Amino acid sequence: MCVLIHEGSGMYTLYSMQRSGNSYKVRLALARLGIPYRQIEIDILQGESRTPEFLAKNPSGHVPLLEVAPGRYLAESNAILWYVAGGSPLAPEDKISRAEVMQWMFFEQNSLEPYIGTAFFWLALVKGGRELQQHSLEDWLENGYRALGVMETHLAKYPFFVANRCTIADIALYAYTHVAHECDFNLARFPNIRAWLRRIESEPGHVPMDWQPELEAAE
């Protein structure tokens, strides 16, 4: 278990897995907002999220998990995004824009993550996962491409998903979309998505999935 510590008082503690898209959402938002935090790496492939100690913090056994105050934990990546981004430009405050952000974040969890996220987990992270889940691949691709098609249509009209600027809706959708090519999805047929990915990556404070906080601190 790797612990990355940022100097500061009263900071968050984030339980995260480096190659988890859901965990990356939170790290990306924290980086974009310049919020310091203490990070504890949890390797779910080694069962580290199923230990009694971790389950006492989050009975679902999932990462990410954010300790927002001593002994008080917040689970579910998109709920964490709302918490850390509240009051910032990443979380719109007008009623319709907030609802639209939630709309796309529900879409991400219901229509994108179960297919592209699951495909990424089994095909890119689990050794031998392709053979174990060969029967599921067709379903992942069919439904994942359907979700990408919805995104492509929206991005034909708008530079971002809500309010013509990058919000936590974009961060939520970016996490697994930007690694879709690692799990058999061909993004060549989605020029608007590819352009949107480049826009997200050019935003101030952007960090890639493999970014390690302590590396920047050491420079």
Protein backbone atom coordinates (compact mmCIF):
# COMPACT_ATOMS: atom_id res chain seq x y z
CA MET A 1 0.00 0.00 0.00
CA CYS A 2 1.53 3.29 -1.14
CA VAL A 3 0.88 6.49 0.79
CA LEU A 4 1.40 9.89 -0.87
CA ILE A 5 1.27 12.81 1.56
CA HIS A 6 0.86 16.50 0.76
CA GLU A 7 1.79 19.08 3.35
CA GLY A 8 -1.07 21.04 4.84
CA SER A 9 -3.61 20.99 7.63
CA GLY A 10 -7.08 19.50 7.61
CA MET A 11 -6.57 17.99 4.19
CA TYR A 12 -8.61 15.25 2.63
CA THR A 13 -7.47 11.64 2.54
CA LEU A 14 -8.24 9.91 -0.75
CA TYR A 15 -8.30 6.12 -1.03
CA SER A 16 -7.67 5.55 -4.71
CA MET A 17 -6.40 3.07 -7.30
CA GLN A 18 -4.09 4.55 -9.92
CA ARG A 19 -5.61 2.83 -12.96
CA SER A 20 -9.21 3.14 -11.85
CA GLY A 21 -11.16 5.60 -13.98
CA ASN A 22 -13.52 6.35 -11.12
CA SER A 23 -10.57 7.14 -8.86
CA TYR A 24 -8.94 9.21 -11.60
CA LYS A 25 -12.01 11.45 -11.80
CA VAL A 26 -11.43 12.59 -8.25
CA ARG A 27 -7.67 13.03 -8.62
CA LEU A 28 -8.22 15.06 -11.80
CA ALA A 29 -10.78 17.33 -10.13
CA LEU A 30 -8.52 17.87 -7.11
CA ALA A 31 -5.61 18.69 -9.42
CA ARG A 32 -7.71 21.08 -11.50
CA LEU A 33 -8.81 22.85 -8.31
CA GLY A 34 -5.35 22.86 -6.71
CA ILE A 35 -6.66 21.11 -3.59
CA PRO A 36 -3.99 19.29 -1.54
CA TYR A 37 -4.75 15.82 -0.26
CA ARG A 38 -3.25 12.72 1.25
CA GLN A 39 -3.53 9.72 -1.07
CA ILE A 40 -3.56 6.06 -0.07
CA GLU A 41 -3.22 3.62 -2.95
CA ILE A 42 -5.65 0.71 -2.74
CA ASP A 43 -5.04 -2.21 -5.10
CA ILE A 44 -8.44 -3.79 -5.59
CA LEU A 45 -6.85 -6.56 -7.66
CA GLN A 46 -4.99 -7.64 -4.52
CA GLY A 47 -8.11 -7.50 -2.35
CA GLU A 48 -7.05 -4.36 -0.49
CA SER A 49 -10.57 -2.91 -0.70
CA ARG A 50 -12.06 -6.02 0.94
CA THR A 51 -10.09 -5.97 4.17
CA PRO A 52 -12.00 -5.50 7.44
CA GLU A 53 -10.22 -2.18 7.94
CA PHE A 54 -11.31 -0.78 4.58
CA LEU A 55 -14.84 -2.21 4.76
CA ALA A 56 -15.26 -0.44 8.11
CA LYS A 57 -14.73 2.82 6.18
CA ASN A 58 -16.76 1.86 3.10
CA PRO A 59 -18.95 -1.26 3.35
CA SER A 60 -19.35 -1.39 -0.45
CA GLY A 61 -15.63 -2.10 -0.78
CA HIS A 62 -15.19 0.35 -3.64
CA VAL A 63 -12.71 3.09 -4.47
CA PRO A 64 -12.50 6.02 -4.59
CA LEU A 65 -13.28 6.90 -1.01
CA LEU A 66 -12.68 10.37 0.40
CA GLU A 67 -12.21 11.06 4.09
CA VAL A 68 -13.62 14.57 4.36
CA ALA A 69 -13.19 14.88 8.14
CA PRO A 70 -11.76 12.55 10.78
CA GLY A 71 -13.82 9.36 10.60
CA ARG A 72 -16.27 10.77 8.03
CA TYR A 73 -16.12 9.18 4.58
CA LEU A 74 -17.73 9.94 1.24
CA ALA A 75 -18.03 7.21 -1.41
CA GLU A 76 -19.16 7.15 -5.08
CA SER A 77 -16.94 9.05 -7.49
CA ASN A 78 -19.56 11.45 -8.82
CA ALA A 79 -20.79 12.36 -5.33
CA ILE A 80 -17.18 13.11 -4.41
CA LEU A 81 -16.85 15.32 -7.50
CA TRP A 82 -19.83 17.40 -6.37
CA TYR A 83 -18.36 17.69 -2.90
CA VAL A 84 -14.85 18.81 -3.87
CA ALA A 85 -15.95 21.05 -6.76
CA GLY A 86 -18.79 22.82 -4.96
CA GLY A 87 -18.47 26.58 -5.22
CA SER A 88 -15.99 26.36 -8.14
CA PRO A 89 -16.53 26.89 -11.88
CA LEU A 90 -16.44 23.10 -12.28
CA ALA A 91 -19.84 22.85 -10.54
CA PRO A 92 -22.40 25.29 -12.00
CA GLU A 93 -24.75 26.87 -9.50
CA ASP A 94 -27.71 27.89 -11.69
CA LYS A 95 -30.59 25.43 -11.48
CA ILE A 96 -30.74 24.19 -15.07
CA SER A 97 -26.97 23.83 -15.47
CA ARG A 98 -26.73 21.85 -12.23
CA ALA A 99 -29.47 19.55 -13.45
CA GLU A 100 -27.71 19.13 -16.81
CA VAL A 101 -24.45 18.25 -15.06
CA MET A 102 -26.30 15.62 -13.03
CA GLN A 103 -27.97 14.36 -16.20
CA TRP A 104 -24.62 13.65 -17.84
CA MET A 105 -23.14 12.20 -14.66
CA PHE A 106 -26.08 9.79 -14.38
CA PHE A 107 -25.55 8.95 -18.05
CA GLU A 108 -21.89 8.25 -17.37
CA GLN A 109 -22.65 5.83 -14.54
CA ASN A 110 -25.55 4.09 -16.29
CA SER A 111 -24.62 4.08 -19.98
CA LEU A 112 -20.84 4.46 -20.23
CA GLU A 113 -19.03 3.16 -17.14
CA PRO A 114 -20.83 -0.26 -17.03
CA TYR A 115 -19.55 -1.02 -20.53
CA ILE A 116 -16.38 0.96 -21.32
CA GLY A 117 -15.30 1.02 -17.68
CA THR A 118 -15.92 -2.70 -17.24
CA ALA A 119 -14.18 -3.50 -20.52
CA PHE A 120 -11.19 -1.42 -19.42
CA PHE A 121 -11.01 -3.27 -16.11
CA TRP A 122 -11.09 -6.75 -17.62
CA LEU A 123 -9.14 -6.14 -20.84
CA ALA A 124 -6.54 -3.64 -19.65
CA LEU A 125 -6.05 -4.41 -15.96
CA VAL A 126 -6.84 -8.06 -15.24
CA LYS A 127 -4.31 -10.58 -16.49
CA GLY A 128 -6.18 -13.10 -18.61
CA GLY A 129 -9.33 -11.00 -18.36
CA ARG A 130 -10.10 -11.20 -22.08
CA GLU A 131 -10.32 -14.97 -21.94
CA LEU A 132 -12.39 -14.89 -18.75
CA GLN A 133 -14.89 -12.38 -20.16
CA GLN A 134 -14.93 -13.22 -23.86
CA HIS A 135 -18.68 -13.86 -23.66
CA SER A 136 -19.28 -10.28 -22.46
CA LEU A 137 -17.18 -8.41 -25.00
CA GLU A 138 -19.86 -8.09 -27.68
CA ASP A 139 -22.32 -6.60 -25.20
CA TRP A 140 -19.71 -4.15 -23.86
CA LEU A 141 -18.86 -2.99 -27.36
CA GLU A 142 -22.47 -2.63 -28.50
CA ASN A 143 -23.57 -0.63 -25.50
CA GLY A 144 -20.33 1.30 -25.17
CA TYR A 145 -20.52 2.42 -28.80
CA ARG A 146 -24.13 3.46 -28.22
CA ALA A 147 -23.01 5.72 -25.37
CA LEU A 148 -20.19 7.16 -27.46
CA GLY A 149 -22.72 7.87 -30.22
CA VAL A 150 -24.84 9.93 -27.83
CA MET A 151 -21.78 11.89 -26.75
CA GLU A 152 -20.64 12.41 -30.35
CA THR A 153 -24.03 13.87 -31.30
CA HIS A 154 -24.00 16.30 -28.36
CA LEU A 155 -20.42 17.38 -29.02
CA ALA A 156 -21.28 18.18 -32.63
CA LYS A 157 -23.14 21.22 -31.24
CA TYR A 158 -21.28 22.09 -28.05
CA PRO A 159 -17.59 22.28 -27.01
CA PHE A 160 -18.32 20.76 -23.59
CA PHE A 161 -21.27 18.94 -22.06
CA VAL A 162 -22.76 21.77 -19.99
CA ALA A 163 -22.56 25.57 -19.89
CA ASN A 164 -20.03 25.77 -22.75
CA ARG A 165 -17.18 25.17 -20.33
CA CYS A 166 -15.47 22.27 -18.63
CA THR A 167 -17.41 21.02 -15.61
CA ILE A 168 -17.41 17.90 -13.47
CA ALA A 169 -19.72 16.38 -16.09
CA ASP A 170 -16.79 16.48 -18.53
CA ILE A 171 -14.41 15.12 -15.90
CA ALA A 172 -16.76 12.23 -15.17
CA LEU A 173 -17.15 11.35 -18.85
CA TYR A 174 -13.48 11.90 -19.69
CA ALA A 175 -12.14 9.34 -17.20
CA TYR A 176 -13.09 6.20 -19.10
CA THR A 177 -13.62 7.70 -22.56
CA HIS A 178 -9.97 8.70 -22.86
CA VAL A 179 -8.82 5.10 -22.29
CA ALA A 180 -11.50 3.47 -24.45
CA HIS A 181 -8.89 2.66 -27.10
CA GLU A 182 -7.14 0.41 -24.57
CA CYS A 183 -10.14 -1.92 -24.45
CA ASP A 184 -11.08 -2.46 -28.13
CA PHE A 185 -13.08 0.73 -28.77
CA ASN A 186 -12.10 2.58 -31.95
CA LEU A 187 -12.45 6.33 -31.45
CA ALA A 188 -11.47 7.07 -35.07
CA ARG A 189 -15.16 7.17 -35.94
CA PHE A 190 -15.88 9.87 -33.32
CA PRO A 191 -14.11 13.09 -34.41
CA ASN A 192 -16.11 15.30 -32.05
CA ILE A 193 -15.18 13.14 -29.07
CA ARG A 194 -11.53 13.19 -30.07
CA ALA A 195 -11.59 16.99 -30.33
CA TRP A 196 -13.30 17.20 -26.93
CA LEU A 197 -10.63 14.95 -25.37
CA ARG A 198 -7.97 17.36 -26.63
CA ARG A 199 -9.87 20.31 -25.16
CA ILE A 200 -10.06 18.62 -21.77
CA GLU A 201 -6.33 17.83 -21.90
CA SER A 202 -5.51 21.46 -22.67
CA GLU A 203 -7.42 22.76 -19.63
CA PRO A 204 -5.28 24.40 -16.90
CA GLY A 205 -4.24 21.98 -14.18
CA HIS A 206 -4.95 18.85 -16.21
CA VAL A 207 -3.04 15.73 -15.13
CA PRO A 208 -2.97 12.32 -16.84
CA MET A 209 -4.19 9.13 -15.21
CA ASP A 210 -0.66 7.95 -14.37
CA TRP A 211 0.32 11.25 -12.70
CA GLN A 212 1.71 10.82 -9.18
CA PRO A 213 1.39 13.82 -6.82
CA GLU A 214 4.72 13.28 -5.12
CA LEU A 215 6.59 13.39 -8.44
CA GLU A 216 5.58 17.02 -8.95
CA ALA A 217 6.39 17.87 -5.35
CA ALA A 218 9.91 16.49 -5.81
CA GLU A 219 10.66 18.61 -8.89
